[in-house]
Each structure stands twice: as structure tokens, then as C-alpha cells.
Amino acid sequence: MKTAEQNYAVIVTEFIEDLANVRIMDTTDQFFAGQIGTAFMNRRYVVEELLVQGERVTAWISMTAQHAGAFLGNKATERAIKAVQFREFQLKAGVIETHRGWFDTSSLLPQLQPNG
């Protein structure tokens, strides 16, 4: 039998990796979040690591995509990119109630340079 924390890890992983949730995963409080959907095509989010503490789950996530549009002043390179996102989920009774995320631009921006 799985523990509640193991079940929460499964719930969060399935949410992150479900292609139907890509637009939700693009959303963060960062000022550039609105550009992600137009700058990066074929986005896919994959869980790299989870930390589960009670009903709180913190996820280290990789986003792979094609840089197909302008992003923070960087013209499209058409290259494949891989960026890191961190997201915190709060669950209650096995249901995701809230979540928030942050992109690690230090892993993303060097890949968008003409010689990156």
C-alpha cells in the first residue's frame, strides 16, 4: 500500500507531465511568463526530482522545447532548448489546491544566444 506522500508524488507528476496542462505549467508570477507560449513551441515538462513534505510537494522540472519566437529580446534560434522550472504544489485530501512556479532563466538565456 502506498503512503499518502507517495500518492501525492504520483498526483503531482501526472499533472506536470500531462500535455493538457502545458499552458498551466507555462504560468508563473514572473514578468515574462506570457511570452513562453509564443517563444517556445512543442513544450514538454518532465519531473526530474520531487520533495514531498506532508501535503506540500516541490518539483524540479525540465522543460524541453523549440525556440521559435522572440523571448526577452532574443530572436528565435529554432534550436532545441532545455530549461529548469521549480514549482511548489499544495494538496489537500489528494487534490492540488494551489501551485506556483519559477523558471530558472540562468539555465535558459545562454541557450538563446546566437552562439549558445
N, C-alpha and C. Protein backbone atom coordinates (compact mmCIF):
# COMPACT_ATOMS: atom_id res chain seq x y z
N MET A 1 0.85 -1.18 0.00
CA MET A 1 0.00 0.00 0.00
C MET A 1 0.89 1.25 0.00
N LYS A 2 0.54 2.22 -0.83
CA LYS A 2 1.29 3.46 -0.91
C LYS A 2 0.94 4.39 0.25
N THR A 3 1.93 5.15 0.67
CA THR A 3 1.68 6.18 1.68
C THR A 3 1.01 7.38 1.01
N ALA A 4 0.47 8.28 1.82
CA ALA A 4 -0.13 9.50 1.29
C ALA A 4 0.90 10.29 0.51
N GLU A 5 2.12 10.38 1.03
CA GLU A 5 3.17 11.14 0.34
C GLU A 5 3.51 10.51 -1.01
N GLN A 6 3.54 9.20 -1.10
CA GLN A 6 3.79 8.54 -2.39
C GLN A 6 2.66 8.84 -3.36
N ASN A 7 1.43 8.84 -2.88
CA ASN A 7 0.28 9.18 -3.73
C ASN A 7 0.36 10.62 -4.21
N TYR A 8 0.78 11.54 -3.34
CA TYR A 8 0.91 12.94 -3.73
C TYR A 8 1.98 13.09 -4.80
N ALA A 9 3.06 12.35 -4.69
CA ALA A 9 4.12 12.39 -5.71
C ALA A 9 3.57 11.96 -7.07
N VAL A 10 2.76 10.93 -7.08
CA VAL A 10 2.15 10.44 -8.33
C VAL A 10 1.19 11.49 -8.90
N ILE A 11 0.35 12.07 -8.05
CA ILE A 11 -0.62 13.08 -8.49
C ILE A 11 0.09 14.26 -9.14
N VAL A 12 1.13 14.76 -8.49
CA VAL A 12 1.86 15.92 -9.00
C VAL A 12 2.60 15.57 -10.28
N THR A 13 3.25 14.43 -10.32
CA THR A 13 3.97 14.02 -11.53
C THR A 13 3.02 13.90 -12.72
N GLU A 14 1.88 13.27 -12.53
CA GLU A 14 0.92 13.13 -13.62
C GLU A 14 0.41 14.49 -14.07
N PHE A 15 0.19 15.42 -13.15
CA PHE A 15 -0.27 16.76 -13.50
C PHE A 15 0.78 17.47 -14.36
N ILE A 16 2.03 17.43 -13.93
CA ILE A 16 3.12 18.12 -14.64
C ILE A 16 3.32 17.55 -16.03
N GLU A 17 3.31 16.25 -16.16
CA GLU A 17 3.67 15.61 -17.42
C GLU A 17 2.48 15.45 -18.38
N ASP A 18 1.28 15.81 -17.95
CA ASP A 18 0.09 15.72 -18.80
C ASP A 18 0.11 16.87 -19.81
N LEU A 19 0.16 16.54 -21.10
CA LEU A 19 0.22 17.56 -22.14
C LEU A 19 -0.95 18.54 -22.09
N ALA A 20 -2.07 18.12 -21.53
CA ALA A 20 -3.22 19.00 -21.41
C ALA A 20 -2.94 20.16 -20.45
N ASN A 21 -1.91 20.05 -19.62
CA ASN A 21 -1.60 21.08 -18.62
C ASN A 21 -0.42 21.97 -19.02
N VAL A 22 0.03 21.89 -20.27
CA VAL A 22 1.19 22.67 -20.69
C VAL A 22 0.98 24.16 -20.44
N ARG A 23 -0.17 24.70 -20.80
CA ARG A 23 -0.40 26.14 -20.59
C ARG A 23 -0.40 26.50 -19.11
N ILE A 24 -0.88 25.62 -18.28
CA ILE A 24 -0.84 25.87 -16.84
C ILE A 24 0.62 25.89 -16.36
N MET A 25 1.43 25.00 -16.88
CA MET A 25 2.83 24.93 -16.47
C MET A 25 3.61 26.14 -16.98
N ASP A 26 3.16 26.78 -18.04
CA ASP A 26 3.81 27.98 -18.56
C ASP A 26 3.59 29.17 -17.64
N THR A 27 2.58 29.12 -16.81
CA THR A 27 2.18 30.25 -15.99
C THR A 27 3.02 30.34 -14.72
N THR A 28 3.65 31.49 -14.54
CA THR A 28 4.37 31.79 -13.30
C THR A 28 4.10 33.25 -12.96
N ASP A 29 4.59 33.69 -11.83
CA ASP A 29 4.46 35.10 -11.45
C ASP A 29 5.54 35.96 -12.08
N GLN A 30 6.42 35.36 -12.87
CA GLN A 30 7.50 36.11 -13.49
C GLN A 30 6.96 36.95 -14.64
N PHE A 31 7.53 38.12 -14.83
CA PHE A 31 7.00 39.08 -15.80
C PHE A 31 6.99 38.55 -17.23
N PHE A 32 7.85 37.60 -17.56
CA PHE A 32 7.95 37.11 -18.94
C PHE A 32 7.06 35.91 -19.22
N ALA A 33 6.30 35.44 -18.26
CA ALA A 33 5.54 34.21 -18.42
C ALA A 33 4.63 34.23 -19.65
N GLY A 34 4.09 35.39 -19.98
CA GLY A 34 3.21 35.48 -21.14
C GLY A 34 3.90 35.21 -22.46
N GLN A 35 5.21 35.33 -22.51
CA GLN A 35 5.98 35.10 -23.73
C GLN A 35 6.30 33.63 -23.97
N ILE A 36 6.21 32.81 -22.96
CA ILE A 36 6.65 31.42 -23.07
C ILE A 36 5.86 30.68 -24.15
N GLY A 37 4.54 30.86 -24.16
CA GLY A 37 3.70 30.15 -25.11
C GLY A 37 3.98 30.48 -26.57
N THR A 38 4.43 31.70 -26.84
CA THR A 38 4.71 32.09 -28.22
C THR A 38 6.18 31.91 -28.60
N ALA A 39 7.07 31.92 -27.62
CA ALA A 39 8.50 31.82 -27.92
C ALA A 39 8.98 30.37 -28.04
N PHE A 40 8.30 29.46 -27.35
CA PHE A 40 8.77 28.07 -27.30
C PHE A 40 7.67 27.12 -27.75
N MET A 41 7.92 26.43 -28.84
CA MET A 41 6.94 25.50 -29.40
C MET A 41 7.23 24.08 -28.93
N ASN A 42 6.21 23.26 -28.98
CA ASN A 42 6.32 21.84 -28.61
C ASN A 42 6.88 21.66 -27.21
N ARG A 43 6.38 22.48 -26.28
CA ARG A 43 6.85 22.41 -24.90
C ARG A 43 6.43 21.11 -24.25
N ARG A 44 7.34 20.59 -23.48
CA ARG A 44 7.07 19.37 -22.71
C ARG A 44 7.74 19.52 -21.36
N TYR A 45 7.03 19.18 -20.32
CA TYR A 45 7.54 19.28 -18.96
C TYR A 45 7.71 17.87 -18.39
N VAL A 46 8.88 17.65 -17.77
CA VAL A 46 9.19 16.33 -17.19
C VAL A 46 9.74 16.54 -15.78
N VAL A 47 9.26 15.75 -14.86
CA VAL A 47 9.74 15.82 -13.47
C VAL A 47 11.13 15.22 -13.38
N GLU A 48 12.05 15.98 -12.81
CA GLU A 48 13.40 15.50 -12.57
C GLU A 48 13.54 14.99 -11.13
N GLU A 49 12.92 15.72 -10.21
CA GLU A 49 13.03 15.35 -8.80
C GLU A 49 11.87 15.96 -8.02
N LEU A 50 11.40 15.25 -7.01
CA LEU A 50 10.33 15.73 -6.15
C LEU A 50 10.77 15.68 -4.69
N LEU A 51 10.31 16.65 -3.93
CA LEU A 51 10.46 16.64 -2.48
C LEU A 51 9.06 16.75 -1.91
N VAL A 52 8.64 15.71 -1.19
CA VAL A 52 7.29 15.68 -0.64
C VAL A 52 7.39 15.81 0.88
N GLN A 53 6.72 16.82 1.40
CA GLN A 53 6.66 17.04 2.84
C GLN A 53 5.20 17.22 3.22
N GLY A 54 4.61 16.16 3.74
CA GLY A 54 3.18 16.21 4.04
C GLY A 54 2.39 16.45 2.78
N GLU A 55 1.58 17.50 2.79
CA GLU A 55 0.74 17.82 1.62
C GLU A 55 1.39 18.87 0.72
N ARG A 56 2.66 19.15 0.91
CA ARG A 56 3.40 20.11 0.08
C ARG A 56 4.41 19.34 -0.76
N VAL A 57 4.39 19.61 -2.07
CA VAL A 57 5.30 18.95 -3.00
C VAL A 57 6.06 20.02 -3.76
N THR A 58 7.38 19.92 -3.73
CA THR A 58 8.23 20.81 -4.51
C THR A 58 8.85 19.99 -5.63
N ALA A 59 8.74 20.51 -6.85
CA ALA A 59 9.19 19.76 -8.03
C ALA A 59 10.29 20.52 -8.76
N TRP A 60 11.32 19.79 -9.15
CA TRP A 60 12.35 20.29 -10.06
C TRP A 60 11.96 19.70 -11.41
N ILE A 61 11.72 20.56 -12.39
CA ILE A 61 11.13 20.16 -13.66
C ILE A 61 12.01 20.64 -14.80
N SER A 62 12.12 19.83 -15.84
CA SER A 62 12.79 20.31 -17.05
C SER A 62 11.74 20.54 -18.12
N MET A 63 11.92 21.65 -18.85
CA MET A 63 11.07 21.96 -19.98
C MET A 63 11.94 21.83 -21.22
N THR A 64 11.50 21.04 -22.17
CA THR A 64 12.16 20.98 -23.47
C THR A 64 11.22 21.61 -24.48
N ALA A 65 11.82 22.28 -25.47
CA ALA A 65 11.00 22.98 -26.46
C ALA A 65 11.90 23.41 -27.61
N GLN A 66 11.27 24.02 -28.62
CA GLN A 66 11.99 24.63 -29.73
C GLN A 66 11.84 26.14 -29.59
N HIS A 67 12.95 26.85 -29.64
CA HIS A 67 12.93 28.32 -29.53
C HIS A 67 12.49 28.88 -30.88
N ALA A 68 11.19 29.15 -31.01
CA ALA A 68 10.61 29.53 -32.29
C ALA A 68 10.13 30.98 -32.35
N GLY A 69 10.30 31.75 -31.28
CA GLY A 69 9.85 33.14 -31.27
C GLY A 69 10.69 33.98 -30.32
N ALA A 70 10.54 35.27 -30.40
CA ALA A 70 11.31 36.19 -29.56
C ALA A 70 11.00 35.95 -28.08
N PHE A 71 12.05 36.05 -27.26
CA PHE A 71 11.90 35.88 -25.82
C PHE A 71 12.91 36.78 -25.12
N LEU A 72 12.41 37.72 -24.36
CA LEU A 72 13.24 38.66 -23.60
C LEU A 72 14.30 39.32 -24.50
N GLY A 73 13.88 39.71 -25.68
CA GLY A 73 14.77 40.39 -26.61
C GLY A 73 15.66 39.48 -27.43
N ASN A 74 15.54 38.19 -27.26
CA ASN A 74 16.33 37.22 -28.02
C ASN A 74 15.50 36.69 -29.19
N LYS A 75 15.99 36.87 -30.40
CA LYS A 75 15.30 36.39 -31.58
C LYS A 75 15.29 34.86 -31.60
N ALA A 76 14.33 34.31 -32.31
CA ALA A 76 14.21 32.85 -32.43
C ALA A 76 15.49 32.26 -33.02
N THR A 77 15.93 31.16 -32.43
CA THR A 77 17.11 30.44 -32.94
C THR A 77 16.71 29.16 -33.64
N GLU A 78 15.48 28.71 -33.42
CA GLU A 78 14.96 27.45 -33.95
C GLU A 78 15.65 26.23 -33.32
N ARG A 79 16.48 26.45 -32.32
CA ARG A 79 17.17 25.34 -31.65
C ARG A 79 16.31 24.72 -30.56
N ALA A 80 16.62 23.48 -30.26
CA ALA A 80 16.00 22.81 -29.11
C ALA A 80 16.64 23.38 -27.85
N ILE A 81 15.81 23.62 -26.84
CA ILE A 81 16.31 24.13 -25.57
C ILE A 81 15.84 23.22 -24.44
N LYS A 82 16.53 23.32 -23.31
CA LYS A 82 16.11 22.64 -22.10
C LYS A 82 16.28 23.63 -20.96
N ALA A 83 15.20 23.91 -20.26
CA ALA A 83 15.21 24.88 -19.17
C ALA A 83 14.69 24.24 -17.90
N VAL A 84 15.05 24.81 -16.79
CA VAL A 84 14.65 24.31 -15.48
C VAL A 84 13.52 25.16 -14.93
N GLN A 85 12.55 24.51 -14.32
CA GLN A 85 11.49 25.20 -13.61
C GLN A 85 11.35 24.54 -12.24
N PHE A 86 11.05 25.35 -11.26
CA PHE A 86 10.73 24.84 -9.93
C PHE A 86 9.28 25.20 -9.66
N ARG A 87 8.55 24.26 -9.07
CA ARG A 87 7.14 24.51 -8.80
C ARG A 87 6.79 23.91 -7.45
N GLU A 88 6.00 24.64 -6.70
CA GLU A 88 5.54 24.18 -5.40
C GLU A 88 4.03 23.94 -5.45
N PHE A 89 3.62 22.78 -5.01
CA PHE A 89 2.21 22.39 -5.00
C PHE A 89 1.74 22.21 -3.57
N GLN A 90 0.52 22.65 -3.31
CA GLN A 90 -0.12 22.40 -2.03
C GLN A 90 -1.34 21.54 -2.30
N LEU A 91 -1.40 20.38 -1.66
CA LEU A 91 -2.51 19.47 -1.84
C LEU A 91 -3.36 19.41 -0.58
N LYS A 92 -4.60 19.03 -0.76
CA LYS A 92 -5.49 18.80 0.38
C LYS A 92 -6.36 17.62 0.01
N ALA A 93 -6.32 16.61 0.83
CA ALA A 93 -7.10 15.39 0.60
C ALA A 93 -6.83 14.81 -0.80
N GLY A 94 -5.57 14.89 -1.25
CA GLY A 94 -5.19 14.30 -2.52
C GLY A 94 -5.51 15.13 -3.75
N VAL A 95 -5.90 16.39 -3.57
CA VAL A 95 -6.24 17.26 -4.68
C VAL A 95 -5.31 18.49 -4.65
N ILE A 96 -4.79 18.85 -5.82
CA ILE A 96 -3.95 20.04 -5.90
C ILE A 96 -4.83 21.26 -5.68
N GLU A 97 -4.53 22.02 -4.63
CA GLU A 97 -5.30 23.24 -4.33
C GLU A 97 -4.64 24.48 -4.92
N THR A 98 -3.33 24.59 -4.75
CA THR A 98 -2.61 25.74 -5.29
C THR A 98 -1.25 25.28 -5.78
N HIS A 99 -0.68 26.09 -6.66
CA HIS A 99 0.69 25.84 -7.10
C HIS A 99 1.24 27.12 -7.68
N ARG A 100 2.54 27.25 -7.60
CA ARG A 100 3.22 28.41 -8.17
C ARG A 100 4.57 27.95 -8.68
N GLY A 101 5.06 28.67 -9.67
CA GLY A 101 6.30 28.22 -10.30
C GLY A 101 7.25 29.34 -10.63
N TRP A 102 8.51 28.95 -10.84
CA TRP A 102 9.58 29.86 -11.20
C TRP A 102 10.46 29.21 -12.25
N PHE A 103 10.74 29.92 -13.32
CA PHE A 103 11.71 29.45 -14.31
C PHE A 103 13.09 29.92 -13.89
N ASP A 104 14.07 29.06 -14.10
CA ASP A 104 15.46 29.41 -13.86
C ASP A 104 16.02 29.99 -15.15
N THR A 105 16.00 31.31 -15.27
CA THR A 105 16.46 31.93 -16.50
C THR A 105 17.96 31.74 -16.72
N SER A 106 18.71 31.45 -15.66
CA SER A 106 20.15 31.22 -15.85
C SER A 106 20.42 29.94 -16.63
N SER A 107 19.48 29.02 -16.64
CA SER A 107 19.64 27.80 -17.44
C SER A 107 19.09 27.99 -18.86
N LEU A 108 18.26 29.00 -19.05
CA LEU A 108 17.59 29.21 -20.33
C LEU A 108 18.29 30.24 -21.22
N LEU A 109 18.57 31.40 -20.69
CA LEU A 109 19.06 32.50 -21.51
C LEU A 109 20.35 32.20 -22.28
N PRO A 110 21.34 31.51 -21.71
CA PRO A 110 22.54 31.21 -22.51
C PRO A 110 22.24 30.39 -23.77
N GLN A 111 21.21 29.59 -23.75
CA GLN A 111 20.85 28.76 -24.90
C GLN A 111 20.24 29.59 -26.04
N LEU A 112 19.80 30.80 -25.73
CA LEU A 112 19.13 31.64 -26.72
C LEU A 112 20.09 32.59 -27.43
N GLN A 113 21.32 32.59 -27.02
CA GLN A 113 22.32 33.45 -27.65
C GLN A 113 22.67 32.88 -29.03
N PRO A 114 23.02 33.75 -29.98
CA PRO A 114 23.33 33.27 -31.34
C PRO A 114 24.39 32.17 -31.37
N ASN A 115 25.34 32.21 -30.47
CA ASN A 115 26.39 31.19 -30.43
C ASN A 115 26.19 30.23 -29.27
N GLY A 116 24.96 30.18 -28.67
CA GLY A 116 24.70 29.40 -27.47
C GLY A 116 24.56 27.94 -27.68
